[in-house]
C-alpha atoms as a PDB file:
ATOM      1  CA  MET A   1     -16.028  41.111  -3.663  1.00  0.00           C
ATOM      2  CA  SER A   2     -18.819  41.081  -6.802  1.00  0.00           C
ATOM      3  CA  ILE A   3     -22.225  40.805  -6.408  1.00  0.00           C
ATOM      4  CA  THR A   4     -25.064  40.751  -8.799  1.00  0.00           C
ATOM      5  CA  ALA A   5     -28.395  41.810  -8.855  1.00  0.00           C
ATOM      6  CA  SER A   6     -31.525  40.436 -10.705  1.00  0.00           C
ATOM      7  CA  ASP A   7     -33.759  43.651 -10.812  1.00  0.00           C
ATOM      8  CA  ALA A   8     -33.267  46.141 -13.549  1.00  0.00           C
ATOM      9  CA  GLY A   9     -32.168  49.081 -11.072  1.00  0.00           C
ATOM     10  CA  PRO A  10     -28.677  49.723  -9.981  1.00  0.00           C
ATOM     11  CA  ALA A  11     -26.617  46.635  -8.977  1.00  0.00           C
ATOM     12  CA  THR A  12     -23.757  46.581  -6.435  1.00  0.00           C
ATOM     13  CA  ALA A  13     -20.854  45.797  -8.619  1.00  0.00           C
ATOM     14  CA  TRP A  14     -18.357  45.445  -5.838  1.00  0.00           C
ATOM     15  CA  ASP A  15     -17.754  46.844  -2.483  1.00  0.00           C
ATOM     16  CA  THR A  16     -14.436  47.399  -0.524  1.00  0.00           C
ATOM     17  CA  ALA A  17     -13.230  49.759   2.313  1.00  0.00           C
ATOM     18  CA  VAL A  18      -9.584  51.754   2.738  1.00  0.00           C
ATOM     19  CA  ASN A  19      -8.561  52.674   6.438  1.00  0.00           C
ATOM     20  CA  ASP A  20      -8.839  56.178   6.149  1.00  0.00           C
ATOM     21  CA  ALA A  21     -11.770  59.043   5.575  1.00  0.00           C
ATOM     22  CA  PRO A  22     -11.744  59.612   1.822  1.00  0.00           C
ATOM     23  CA  VAL A  23     -11.511  62.939   0.513  1.00  0.00           C
ATOM     24  CA  ALA A  24     -11.562  62.409  -3.526  1.00  0.00           C
ATOM     25  CA  LEU A  25     -12.341  59.984  -6.284  1.00  0.00           C
ATOM     26  CA  SER A  26     -10.596  59.716  -9.473  1.00  0.00           C
ATOM     27  CA  ALA A  27     -11.554  57.405 -12.290  1.00  0.00           C
ATOM     28  CA  ARG A  28      -9.672  56.551 -15.923  1.00  0.00           C
ATOM     29  CA  HIS A  29      -9.757  53.578 -17.898  1.00  0.00           C
ATOM     30  CA  ASP A  30      -9.202  50.634 -15.718  1.00  0.00           C
ATOM     31  CA  LEU A  31      -8.160  52.594 -12.625  1.00  0.00           C
ATOM     32  CA  ILE A  32      -9.790  54.173  -9.672  1.00  0.00           C
ATOM     33  CA  ALA A  33      -7.628  56.397  -7.419  1.00  0.00           C
ATOM     34  CA  VAL A  34      -9.140  56.704  -3.677  1.00  0.00           C
ATOM     35  CA  ALA A  35      -7.354  59.658  -1.732  1.00  0.00           C
ATOM     36  CA  GLY A  36      -7.180  59.671   1.937  1.00  0.00           C
ATOM     37  CA  ALA A  37      -7.300  62.506   4.248  1.00  0.00           C
ATOM     38  CA  ALA A  38      -4.066  61.188   5.932  1.00  0.00           C
ATOM     39  CA  GLY A  39      -2.203  61.233   2.497  1.00  0.00           C
ATOM     40  CA  THR A  40      -2.600  57.644   1.284  1.00  0.00           C
ATOM     41  CA  VAL A  41      -3.560  57.386  -2.304  1.00  0.00           C
ATOM     42  CA  TRP A  42      -5.049  53.677  -3.268  1.00  0.00           C
ATOM     43  CA  ILE A  43      -5.292  52.431  -6.649  1.00  0.00           C
ATOM     44  CA  LEU A  44      -8.112  50.281  -7.181  1.00  0.00           C
ATOM     45  CA  ASP A  45      -9.219  47.895 -10.341  1.00  0.00           C
ATOM     46  CA  ALA A  46     -12.381  49.302 -11.589  1.00  0.00           C
ATOM     47  CA  ALA A  47     -13.824  46.000 -12.535  1.00  0.00           C
ATOM     48  CA  THR A  48     -13.526  44.534  -9.481  1.00  0.00           C
ATOM     49  CA  GLY A  49     -12.300  47.149  -6.706  1.00  0.00           C
ATOM     50  CA  ALA A  50      -9.375  45.118  -5.836  1.00  0.00           C
ATOM     51  CA  GLY A  51      -6.517  46.954  -4.532  1.00  0.00           C
ATOM     52  CA  ILE A  52      -3.501  47.284  -6.879  1.00  0.00           C
ATOM     53  CA  THR A  53      -1.245  49.466  -5.315  1.00  0.00           C
ATOM     54  CA  THR A  54      -0.657  52.650  -2.691  1.00  0.00           C
ATOM     55  CA  PHE A  55       1.215  55.982  -2.670  1.00  0.00           C
ATOM     56  CA  GLU A  56       1.797  58.583   0.187  1.00  0.00           C
ATOM     57  CA  LEU A  57       1.809  62.243   0.336  1.00  0.00           C
ATOM     58  CA  PRO A  58       2.950  63.353   3.509  1.00  0.00           C
ATOM     59  CA  GLY A  59       1.095  65.832   5.095  1.00  0.00           C
ATOM     60  CA  GLY A  60      -2.438  64.582   3.992  1.00  0.00           C
ATOM     61  CA  ALA A  61      -4.733  64.894   0.572  1.00  0.00           C
ATOM     62  CA  LEU A  62      -6.979  67.144  -1.068  1.00  0.00           C
ATOM     63  CA  ASN A  63      -7.316  65.507  -4.330  1.00  0.00           C
ATOM     64  CA  VAL A  64      -6.541  63.341  -6.704  1.00  0.00           C
ATOM     65  CA  ALA A  65      -6.471  62.865 -10.602  1.00  0.00           C
ATOM     66  CA  LEU A  66      -5.527  60.091 -12.868  1.00  0.00           C
ATOM     67  CA  ALA A  67      -4.177  60.917 -16.426  1.00  0.00           C
ATOM     68  CA  PRO A  68      -6.459  60.432 -19.309  1.00  0.00           C
ATOM     69  CA  ASP A  69      -4.613  57.000 -20.082  1.00  0.00           C
ATOM     70  CA  ALA A  70      -4.549  55.922 -16.793  1.00  0.00           C
ATOM     71  CA  ARG A  71      -0.640  55.804 -16.788  1.00  0.00           C
ATOM     72  CA  HIS A  72      -0.100  58.450 -14.232  1.00  0.00           C
ATOM     73  CA  ALA A  73      -1.891  60.165 -11.176  1.00  0.00           C
ATOM     74  CA  VAL A  74      -1.081  63.108  -9.156  1.00  0.00           C
ATOM     75  CA  ALA A  75      -2.455  63.710  -5.336  1.00  0.00           C
ATOM     76  CA  THR A  76      -2.562  67.478  -3.979  1.00  0.00           C
ATOM     77  CA  GLY A  77      -2.404  68.453  -0.277  1.00  0.00           C
ATOM     78  CA  PRO A  78      -1.885  70.959   2.362  1.00  0.00           C
ATOM     79  CA  THR A  79       2.082  70.718   1.877  1.00  0.00           C
ATOM     80  CA  GLY A  80       2.761  69.905  -1.534  1.00  0.00           C
ATOM     81  CA  TYR A  81       2.049  66.927  -4.256  1.00  0.00           C
ATOM     82  CA  ALA A  82       2.990  63.691  -4.940  1.00  0.00           C
ATOM     83  CA  LEU A  83       3.283  61.886  -8.807  1.00  0.00           C
ATOM     84  CA  TRP A  84       2.607  58.513  -9.454  1.00  0.00           C
ATOM     85  CA  ARG A  85       3.953  56.384 -12.134  1.00  0.00           C
ATOM     86  CA  ARG A  86       2.144  52.972 -13.076  1.00  0.00           C
ATOM     87  CA  GLU A  87       4.817  51.460 -15.369  1.00  0.00           C
ATOM     88  CA  ASP A  88       7.294  50.706 -12.112  1.00  0.00           C
ATOM     89  CA  ASP A  89       5.101  52.114  -9.401  1.00  0.00           C
ATOM     90  CA  ARG A  90       7.623  54.949  -8.698  1.00  0.00           C
ATOM     91  CA  THR A  91       6.414  58.193  -6.406  1.00  0.00           C
ATOM     92  CA  VAL A  92       8.065  61.567  -6.706  1.00  0.00           C
ATOM     93  CA  VAL A  93       6.979  63.783  -3.844  1.00  0.00           C
ATOM     94  CA  HIS A  94       7.286  67.452  -3.742  1.00  0.00           C
ATOM     95  CA  GLU A  95       6.994  68.912  -0.163  1.00  0.00           C
ATOM     96  CA  SER A  96       7.143  72.842  -0.908  1.00  0.00           C
ATOM     97  CA  GLY A  97       5.016  73.762   2.308  1.00  0.00           C
ATOM     98  CA  ALA A  98       2.603  75.337  -0.167  1.00  0.00           C
ATOM     99  CA  TRP A  99      -1.374  74.693   0.067  1.00  0.00           C
ATOM    100  CA  SER A 100      -1.939  72.522  -3.426  1.00  0.00           C
ATOM    101  CA  SER A 101      -5.512  72.556  -3.430  1.00  0.00           C
ATOM    102  CA  THR A 102      -6.151  70.548  -7.042  1.00  0.00           C
ATOM    103  CA  ALA A 103      -4.814  69.411 -10.276  1.00  0.00           C
ATOM    104  CA  ALA A 104      -5.882  69.026 -14.090  1.00  0.00           C
ATOM    105  CA  TRP A 105      -4.672  67.172 -16.860  1.00  0.00           C
ATOM    106  CA  ALA A 106      -4.598  68.890 -20.121  1.00  0.00           C
ATOM    107  CA  ASP A 107      -3.834  65.383 -21.569  1.00  0.00           C
ATOM    108  CA  HIS A 108      -1.501  62.565 -20.826  1.00  0.00           C
ATOM    109  CA  GLU A 109       1.951  64.615 -20.915  1.00  0.00           C
ATOM    110  CA  ARG A 110       0.848  67.719 -19.425  1.00  0.00           C
ATOM    111  CA  VAL A 111      -0.849  68.348 -15.564  1.00  0.00           C
ATOM    112  CA  ALA A 112      -1.316  71.651 -13.910  1.00  0.00           C
ATOM    113  CA  ILE A 113      -0.826  71.723 -10.164  1.00  0.00           C
ATOM    114  CA  ALA A 114      -2.377  74.785  -8.271  1.00  0.00           C
ATOM    115  CA  THR A 115       0.270  75.256  -5.314  1.00  0.00           C
ATOM    116  CA  GLY A 116       0.242  78.287  -3.313  1.00  0.00           C
ATOM    117  CA  ARG A 117      -0.392  81.650  -5.673  1.00  0.00           C
ATOM    118  CA  ARG A 118       0.899  79.693  -8.374  1.00  0.00           C
ATOM    119  CA  ALA A 119      -0.243  76.939 -11.000  1.00  0.00           C
ATOM    120  CA  LEU A 120       2.641  74.496 -12.508  1.00  0.00           C
ATOM    121  CA  VAL A 121       2.597  72.887 -15.439  1.00  0.00           C
ATOM    122  CA  LEU A 122       4.538  69.676 -15.258  1.00  0.00           C
ATOM    123  CA  THR A 123       5.247  66.221 -17.416  1.00  0.00           C
ATOM    124  CA  PRO A 124       4.035  63.388 -15.899  1.00  0.00           C
ATOM    125  CA  ASP A 125       7.463  62.786 -14.055  1.00  0.00           C
ATOM    126  CA  GLY A 126       7.353  66.289 -12.684  1.00  0.00           C
ATOM    127  CA  ASP A 127       9.625  68.456 -14.808  1.00  0.00           C
ATOM    128  CA  GLU A 128       8.295  71.773 -14.918  1.00  0.00           C
ATOM    129  CA  LEU A 129       7.269  72.810 -18.354  1.00  0.00           C
ATOM    130  CA  TRP A 130       5.860  76.735 -17.264  1.00  0.00           C
ATOM    131  CA  ALA A 131       4.399  78.449 -14.492  1.00  0.00           C
ATOM    132  CA  THR A 132       2.266  81.367 -13.809  1.00  0.00           C
ATOM    133  CA  GLU A 133       2.955  84.363 -11.811  1.00  0.00           C
ATOM    134  CA  PRO A 134       1.894  84.543  -8.566  1.00  0.00           C
ATOM    135  CA  ALA A 135      -1.978  85.240  -8.178  1.00  0.00           C
ATOM    136  CA  ALA A 136      -3.584  87.652  -5.200  1.00  0.00           C
ATOM    137  CA  SER A 137      -3.777  84.841  -2.781  1.00  0.00           C
ATOM    138  CA  THR A 138      -3.791  80.961  -2.738  1.00  0.00           C
ATOM    139  CA  ILE A 139      -5.031  79.342  -5.958  1.00  0.00           C
ATOM    140  CA  THR A 140      -8.529  77.529  -4.929  1.00  0.00           C
ATOM    141  CA  ASP A 141      -9.181  75.778  -8.229  1.00  0.00           C
ATOM    142  CA  LEU A 142      -8.090  75.292 -12.001  1.00  0.00           C
ATOM    143  CA  ALA A 143      -9.327  73.738 -15.484  1.00  0.00           C
ATOM    144  CA  TRP A 144      -8.459  73.710 -19.079  1.00  0.00           C
ATOM    145  CA  LEU A 145     -10.121  75.356 -21.836  1.00  0.00           C
ATOM    146  CA  ARG A 146      -9.657  75.012 -25.535  1.00  0.00           C
ATOM    147  CA  GLN A 147      -8.534  71.153 -25.548  1.00  0.00           C
ATOM    148  CA  GLY A 148      -5.855  72.238 -23.019  1.00  0.00           C
ATOM    149  CA  ARG A 149      -4.195  74.992 -25.029  1.00  0.00           C
ATOM    150  CA  ARG A 150      -5.201  77.528 -22.283  1.00  0.00           C
ATOM    151  CA  LEU A 151      -5.532  77.214 -18.528  1.00  0.00           C
ATOM    152  CA  ALA A 152      -7.957  78.991 -16.199  1.00  0.00           C
ATOM    153  CA  VAL A 153      -6.988  79.737 -12.431  1.00  0.00           C
ATOM    154  CA  ALA A 154      -9.423  80.677  -9.810  1.00  0.00           C
ATOM    155  CA  ALA A 155      -7.909  83.217  -6.727  1.00  0.00           C
ATOM    156  CA  TYR A 156      -9.396  85.814  -4.747  1.00  0.00           C
ATOM    157  CA  GLY A 157     -10.486  88.968  -7.098  1.00  0.00           C
ATOM    158  CA  ALA A 158     -10.572  87.051 -10.520  1.00  0.00           C
ATOM    159  CA  VAL A 159     -10.151  84.233 -12.924  1.00  0.00           C
ATOM    160  CA  ARG A 160      -7.118  84.157 -14.874  1.00  0.00           C
ATOM    161  CA  CYS A 161      -6.340  82.589 -18.301  1.00  0.00           C
ATOM    162  CA  HIS A 162      -2.861  81.481 -19.301  1.00  0.00           C
ATOM    163  CA  GLU A 163      -1.967  80.347 -22.835  1.00  0.00           C
ATOM    164  CA  ARG A 164       1.325  77.632 -22.915  1.00  0.00           C
ATOM    165  CA  HIS A 165       4.510  79.349 -21.433  1.00  0.00           C
ATOM    166  CA  THR A 166       2.707  82.879 -20.512  1.00  0.00           C
ATOM    167  CA  LEU A 167       3.726  83.598 -16.975  1.00  0.00           C
ATOM    168  CA  LYS A 168       1.081  86.738 -17.059  1.00  0.00           C
ATOM    169  CA  PRO A 169      -2.713  86.091 -17.821  1.00  0.00           C
ATOM    170  CA  VAL A 170      -3.628  86.909 -21.366  1.00  0.00           C
ATOM    171  CA  THR A 171      -7.747  87.052 -19.914  1.00  0.00           C
ATOM    172  CA  THR A 172      -8.724  88.280 -16.906  1.00  0.00           C
ATOM    173  CA  TYR A 173     -12.052  88.132 -15.673  1.00  0.00           C
ATOM    174  CA  PRO A 174     -12.607  90.251 -12.465  1.00  0.00           C
ATOM    175  CA  TYR A 175     -14.818  89.245  -9.708  1.00  0.00           C
ATOM    176  CA  ILE A 176     -14.152  90.694  -5.833  1.00  0.00           C
ATOM    177  CA  GLY A 177     -14.566  87.791  -3.751  1.00  0.00           C
ATOM    178  CA  SER A 178     -13.708  84.194  -2.960  1.00  0.00           C
ATOM    179  CA  HIS A 179     -13.670  81.457  -5.553  1.00  0.00           C
ATOM    180  CA  LEU A 180     -14.460  77.968  -4.029  1.00  0.00           C
ATOM    181  CA  ALA A 181     -14.952  76.182  -7.530  1.00  0.00           C
ATOM    182  CA  LEU A 182     -14.409  76.517 -10.973  1.00  0.00           C
ATOM    183  CA  ALA A 183     -16.241  74.909 -13.946  1.00  0.00           C
ATOM    184  CA  VAL A 184     -15.653  75.408 -17.532  1.00  0.00           C
ATOM    185  CA  ALA A 185     -17.966  74.179 -20.213  1.00  0.00           C
ATOM    186  CA  PRO A 186     -16.826  71.515 -22.324  1.00  0.00           C
ATOM    187  CA  THR A 187     -17.520  73.918 -25.488  1.00  0.00           C
ATOM    188  CA  GLY A 188     -15.250  76.406 -23.743  1.00  0.00           C
ATOM    189  CA  ARG A 189     -17.966  78.946 -24.084  1.00  0.00           C
ATOM    190  CA  TRP A 190     -18.675  79.615 -20.647  1.00  0.00           C
ATOM    191  CA  ILE A 191     -16.262  79.956 -16.957  1.00  0.00           C
ATOM    192  CA  CYS A 192     -17.980  79.707 -14.078  1.00  0.00           C
ATOM    193  CA  SER A 193     -17.266  80.385 -10.539  1.00  0.00           C
ATOM    194  CA  GLY A 194     -18.440  79.049  -7.310  1.00  0.00           C
ATOM    195  CA  ASN A 195     -18.094  81.751  -4.493  1.00  0.00           C
ATOM    196  CA  GLN A 196     -17.985  81.843  -0.737  1.00  0.00           C
ATOM    197  CA  ASP A 197     -20.417  84.843  -1.057  1.00  0.00           C
ATOM    198  CA  ALA A 198     -23.187  82.423  -2.051  1.00  0.00           C
ATOM    199  CA  SER A 199     -23.239  83.177  -5.742  1.00  0.00           C
ATOM    200  CA  ILE A 200     -22.237  81.593  -9.153  1.00  0.00           C
ATOM    201  CA  HIS A 201     -20.391  84.283 -11.393  1.00  0.00           C
ATOM    202  CA  ILE A 202     -20.386  83.416 -14.989  1.00  0.00           C
ATOM    203  CA  TRP A 203     -18.199  84.864 -17.847  1.00  0.00           C
ATOM    204  CA  ARG A 204     -19.162  84.526 -21.446  1.00  0.00           C
ATOM    205  CA  THR A 205     -15.480  83.821 -22.871  1.00  0.00           C
ATOM    206  CA  ARG A 206     -16.398  85.182 -26.248  1.00  0.00           C
ATOM    207  CA  ASP A 207     -16.620  88.535 -25.349  1.00  0.00           C
ATOM    208  CA  GLY A 208     -16.370  88.708 -21.281  1.00  0.00           C
ATOM    209  CA  GLY A 209     -19.854  89.435 -20.818  1.00  0.00           C
ATOM    210  CA  GLU A 210     -20.958  88.424 -16.976  1.00  0.00           C
ATOM    211  CA  LEU A 211     -24.061  87.229 -14.970  1.00  0.00           C
ATOM    212  CA  THR A 212     -24.013  86.743 -11.221  1.00  0.00           C
ATOM    213  CA  MET A 213     -26.819  83.930  -9.642  1.00  0.00           C
ATOM    214  CA  SER A 214     -27.155  85.063  -6.156  1.00  0.00           C
ATOM    215  CA  GLY A 215     -29.329  84.110  -3.524  1.00  0.00           C
ATOM    216  CA  TYR A 216     -28.119  80.705  -2.353  1.00  0.00           C
ATOM    217  CA  PRO A 217     -28.358  79.946   1.395  1.00  0.00           C
ATOM    218  CA  GLY A 218     -25.037  78.867   1.585  1.00  0.00           C
ATOM    219  CA  LYS A 219     -21.563  79.425  -0.061  1.00  0.00           C
ATOM    220  CA  VAL A 220     -21.517  77.223  -3.899  1.00  0.00           C
ATOM    221  CA  SER A 221     -18.182  74.811  -3.457  1.00  0.00           C
ATOM    222  CA  ARG A 222     -19.272  72.362  -5.959  1.00  0.00           C
ATOM    223  CA  LEU A 223     -20.171  73.034  -9.574  1.00  0.00           C
ATOM    224  CA  ALA A 224     -20.402  70.847 -12.405  1.00  0.00           C
ATOM    225  CA  PHE A 225     -21.045  70.789 -16.313  1.00  0.00           C
ATOM    226  CA  ASP A 226     -22.609  67.933 -18.264  1.00  0.00           C
ATOM    227  CA  ASP A 227     -20.689  66.585 -21.280  1.00  0.00           C
ATOM    228  CA  THR A 228     -22.951  68.859 -23.476  1.00  0.00           C
ATOM    229  CA  GLY A 229     -21.887  72.090 -22.161  1.00  0.00           C
ATOM    230  CA  PHE A 230     -25.354  73.081 -21.648  1.00  0.00           C
ATOM    231  CA  TRP A 231     -26.202  72.055 -17.930  1.00  0.00           C
ATOM    232  CA  LEU A 232     -24.451  73.101 -15.065  1.00  0.00           C
ATOM    233  CA  ALA A 233     -25.239  71.659 -11.567  1.00  0.00           C
ATOM    234  CA  ALA A 234     -24.682  73.562  -8.021  1.00  0.00           C
ATOM    235  CA  ASP A 235     -24.874  72.880  -4.458  1.00  0.00           C
ATOM    236  CA  GLY A 236     -25.058  76.024  -2.040  1.00  0.00           C
ATOM    237  CA  ALA A 237     -28.481  74.736  -0.940  1.00  0.00           C
ATOM    238  CA  ALA A 238     -30.333  71.828   0.549  1.00  0.00           C
ATOM    239  CA  ASP A 239     -31.656  71.205  -3.103  1.00  0.00           C
ATOM    240  CA  VAL A 240     -29.377  70.934  -6.326  1.00  0.00           C
ATOM    241  CA  THR A 241     -29.838  73.547  -8.550  1.00  0.00           C
ATOM    242  CA  VAL A 242     -29.400  72.509 -12.661  1.00  0.00           C
ATOM    243  CA  TRP A 243     -29.271  75.568 -14.852  1.00  0.00           C
ATOM    244  CA  ASP A 244     -29.518  75.736 -18.579  1.00  0.00           C
ATOM    245  CA  PHE A 245     -27.023  77.221 -20.712  1.00  0.00           C
ATOM    246  CA  SER A 246     -28.204  76.445 -23.951  1.00  0.00           C
ATOM    247  CA  GLY A 247     -29.032  79.275 -26.338  1.00  0.00           C
ATOM    248  CA  LYS A 248     -28.137  82.535 -24.713  1.00  0.00           C
ATOM    249  CA  GLY A 249     -27.277  81.198 -21.206  1.00  0.00           C
ATOM    250  CA  PRO A 250     -29.392  81.000 -17.876  1.00  0.00           C
ATOM    251  CA  ALA A 251     -29.877  84.859 -18.017  1.00  0.00           C
ATOM    252  CA  GLY A 252     -33.411  85.586 -17.085  1.00  0.00           C
ATOM    253  CA  THR A 253     -34.260  81.736 -16.568  1.00  0.00           C
ATOM    254  CA  ALA A 254     -34.903  79.981 -13.275  1.00  0.00           C
ATOM    255  CA  PRO A 255     -32.932  76.184 -12.249  1.00  0.00           C
ATOM    256  CA  ARG A 256     -34.544  73.018 -11.799  1.00  0.00           C
ATOM    257  CA  SER A 257     -34.364  72.075  -8.428  1.00  0.00           C
ATOM    258  CA  LEU A 258     -33.235  68.646  -7.321  1.00  0.00           C
ATOM    259  CA  ARG A 259     -34.422  67.682  -3.724  1.00  0.00           C
ATOM    260  CA  CYS A 260     -33.232  64.894  -1.674  1.00  0.00           C
ATOM    261  CA  HIS A 261     -30.580  65.909   0.597  1.00  0.00           C
ATOM    262  CA  LYS A 262     -30.369  68.147   3.386  1.00  0.00           C
ATOM    263  CA  ALA A 263     -26.659  68.769   2.715  1.00  0.00           C
ATOM    264  CA  VAL A 264     -24.795  68.177  -0.730  1.00  0.00           C
ATOM    265  CA  THR A 265     -21.543  66.693  -0.373  1.00  0.00           C
ATOM    266  CA  ALA A 266     -20.868  65.570  -3.991  1.00  0.00           C
ATOM    267  CA  LEU A 267     -21.935  65.810  -7.413  1.00  0.00           C
ATOM    268  CA  THR A 268     -21.200  64.102 -10.964  1.00  0.00           C
ATOM    269  CA  TRP A 269     -22.674  63.980 -14.532  1.00  0.00           C
ATOM    270  CA  ARG A 270     -22.967  60.802 -16.152  1.00  0.00           C
ATOM    271  CA  PRO A 271     -20.470  60.615 -19.357  1.00  0.00           C
ATOM    272  CA  GLY A 272     -22.090  60.758 -22.575  1.00  0.00           C
ATOM    273  CA  GLY A 273     -24.427  63.753 -22.485  1.00  0.00           C
ATOM    274  CA  VAL A 274     -27.376  61.857 -21.558  1.00  0.00           C
ATOM    275  CA  SER A 275     -28.332  64.299 -18.575  1.00  0.00           C
ATOM    276  CA  HIS A 276     -28.303  61.830 -15.886  1.00  0.00           C
ATOM    277  CA  LEU A 277     -26.976  63.333 -12.446  1.00  0.00           C
ATOM    278  CA  ALA A 278     -25.623  61.508  -9.319  1.00  0.00           C
ATOM    279  CA  SER A 279     -25.543  63.416  -5.965  1.00  0.00           C
ATOM    280  CA  GLY A 280     -24.165  62.569  -2.599  1.00  0.00           C
ATOM    281  CA  GLY A 281     -25.690  63.836   0.809  1.00  0.00           C
ATOM    282  CA  ALA A 282     -24.356  64.145   4.354  1.00  0.00           C
ATOM    283  CA  ASP A 283     -26.658  61.675   5.229  1.00  0.00           C
ATOM    284  CA  GLY A 284     -25.334  58.982   3.156  1.00  0.00           C
ATOM    285  CA  THR A 285     -27.763  58.937   0.465  1.00  0.00           C
ATOM    286  CA  VAL A 286     -26.883  58.809  -3.273  1.00  0.00           C
ATOM    287  CA  ALA A 287     -29.424  60.120  -5.529  1.00  0.00           C
ATOM    288  CA  LEU A 288     -29.954  59.506  -9.359  1.00  0.00           C
ATOM    289  CA  TRP A 289     -31.733  61.642 -11.765  1.00  0.00           C
ATOM    290  CA  HIS A 290     -32.991  62.562 -14.608  1.00  0.00           C
ATOM    291  CA  ALA A 291     -31.597  66.015 -13.904  1.00  0.00           C
ATOM    292  CA  THR A 292     -32.839  68.205 -17.054  1.00  0.00           C
ATOM    293  CA  ALA A 293     -36.594  66.837 -17.048  1.00  0.00           C
ATOM    294  CA  GLY A 294     -39.475  69.053 -16.624  1.00  0.00           C
ATOM    295  CA  ARG A 295     -39.543  73.051 -17.065  1.00  0.00           C
ATOM    296  CA  PRO A 296     -37.491  75.707 -15.281  1.00  0.00           C
ATOM    297  CA  GLU A 297     -38.549  76.193 -11.754  1.00  0.00           C
ATOM    298  CA  SER A 298     -39.367  72.542 -12.042  1.00  0.00           C
ATOM    299  CA  ARG A 299     -38.915  70.506  -8.523  1.00  0.00           C
ATOM    300  CA  LEU A 300     -37.777  67.166  -9.164  1.00  0.00           C
ATOM    301  CA  SER A 301     -37.415  63.692  -7.369  1.00  0.00           C
ATOM    302  CA  PRO A 302     -34.599  61.159  -7.692  1.00  0.00           C
ATOM    303  CA  ALA A 303     -34.984  58.206 -10.030  1.00  0.00           C
ATOM    304  CA  HIS A 304     -33.315  56.045  -7.451  1.00  0.00           C
ATOM    305  CA  THR A 305     -31.986  56.267  -4.122  1.00  0.00           C
ATOM    306  CA  LEU A 306     -28.710  54.354  -2.663  1.00  0.00           C
ATOM    307  CA  ASP A 307     -28.314  54.206   0.978  1.00  0.00           C
ATOM    308  CA  GLY A 308     -24.853  54.206   2.973  1.00  0.00           C
ATOM    309  CA  ASP A 309     -24.080  54.031   6.712  1.00  0.00           C
ATOM    310  CA  ALA A 310     -21.662  57.131   6.506  1.00  0.00           C
ATOM    311  CA  ALA A 311     -21.849  60.768   4.604  1.00  0.00           C
ATOM    312  CA  VAL A 312     -21.071  60.551   0.957  1.00  0.00           C
ATOM    313  CA  ALA A 313     -17.326  62.121   0.713  1.00  0.00           C
ATOM    314  CA  ALA A 314     -16.928  61.854  -3.075  1.00  0.00           C
ATOM    315  CA  LEU A 315     -18.555  60.332  -6.311  1.00  0.00           C
ATOM    316  CA  THR A 316     -17.027  59.400  -9.782  1.00  0.00           C
ATOM    317  CA  TRP A 317     -17.968  57.481 -12.875  1.00  0.00           C
ATOM    318  CA  ALA A 318     -15.889  54.729 -14.625  1.00  0.00           C
ATOM    319  CA  GLY A 319     -17.046  55.318 -17.759  1.00  0.00           C
ATOM    320  CA  PRO A 320     -21.017  55.665 -18.855  1.00  0.00           C
ATOM    321  CA  GLU A 321     -22.031  52.117 -16.193  1.00  0.00           C
ATOM    322  CA  LEU A 322     -20.332  52.147 -13.014  1.00  0.00           C
ATOM    323  CA  LEU A 323     -20.920  54.821 -10.383  1.00  0.00           C
ATOM    324  CA  VAL A 324     -18.527  54.499  -7.751  1.00  0.00           C
ATOM    325  CA  THR A 325     -19.242  56.093  -4.279  1.00  0.00           C
ATOM    326  CA  ALA A 326     -16.550  57.037  -1.364  1.00  0.00           C
ATOM    327  CA  TYR A 327     -17.988  57.117   1.958  1.00  0.00           C
ATOM    328  CA  ARG A 328     -16.483  58.971   4.809  1.00  0.00           C
ATOM    329  CA  ASP A 329     -16.067  56.071   7.227  1.00  0.00           C
ATOM    330  CA  GLY A 330     -13.538  54.553   4.529  1.00  0.00           C
ATOM    331  CA  ARG A 331     -16.513  52.023   2.302  1.00  0.00           C
ATOM    332  CA  ILE A 332     -15.708  52.599  -1.452  1.00  0.00           C
ATOM    333  CA  ARG A 333     -18.690  51.061  -3.483  1.00  0.00           C
ATOM    334  CA  ALA A 334     -19.431  50.577  -7.171  1.00  0.00           C
ATOM    335  CA  HIS A 335     -22.809  50.206  -8.587  1.00  0.00           C
ATOM    336  CA  ARG A 336     -23.405  49.069 -12.136  1.00  0.00           C
ATOM    337  CA  LEU A 337     -26.150  50.848 -13.835  1.00  0.00           C
ATOM    338  CA  PRO A 338     -28.611  48.674 -16.430  1.00  0.00           C
ATOM    339  CA  SER A 339     -27.683  50.563 -19.771  1.00  0.00           C
ATOM    340  CA  ARG A 340     -26.163  53.967 -20.751  1.00  0.00           C
ATOM    341  CA  THR A 341     -29.472  55.557 -20.879  1.00  0.00           C
ATOM    342  CA  ALA A 342     -31.477  54.386 -17.945  1.00  0.00           C
ATOM    343  CA  LEU A 343     -31.652  54.934 -14.649  1.00  0.00           C
END
């Protein structure tokens, strides 16, 4: 299954396939989880791509998240969620009938799950620790702040933040519209939502200051901060836009534009804060970028492109040197990059 390349560019490390259309990837330590649309989750060895086990979520899957220590995983879907335990390959399924859009681990002991209009915070074995009060509509995304001490929850009309064991929000950031994606700066300084109305809305957590970046030709459904919290990548256009959040933030500035895809389907920053971004497109192309090069309003070209036979469904980094791509035809491919600082 392994292939070795002799040049200095990205080398194919392994190539495998699953018998479903992938919808999400997650990588932690030595494992990769691949969620399929029909509800099977494949657990793979990150070094070789070999299959280790599978677990099932009846009704289909939307997302998957491995715990930071890779000892547990949670899959979410249209009818509920499932928790997998590595130690004994046990799966606990909760078929609540509620649309469960996503999950996020605070640490290896707590995971938040968006299920219907509530967010549940559970132990890895599924015991409920606390829950939020119902939001105005189905929760579309959530994220942890302050090293897992505060939970941000996005639903129509607002992003609400809850402290541990608080039913009601301790802070509310209103915005009339449908939030599709949520990104929180690792510094905790900024909360950003990508929206149905083709905008990005930003709140400064220190004082609630707001900013809207509008004018995108399409809805913004993918947002990602790099590890420094200084750079935000977004879709919403054929070009990926990269905004500078250093200093006082992006107010009054223009983004860098990364042109490669006709339609962006995936975004992920390389770990380590080295300003390397990978993006995927509906045409099957994966582009690798020095995403912060040039000046504001610069239009950048990719450092490398990797071609596939089907649309890119998801991207993730398994450590700083292994980029994993899931294609909608079921192909899962890993590329090894030459070093932590080169593309």
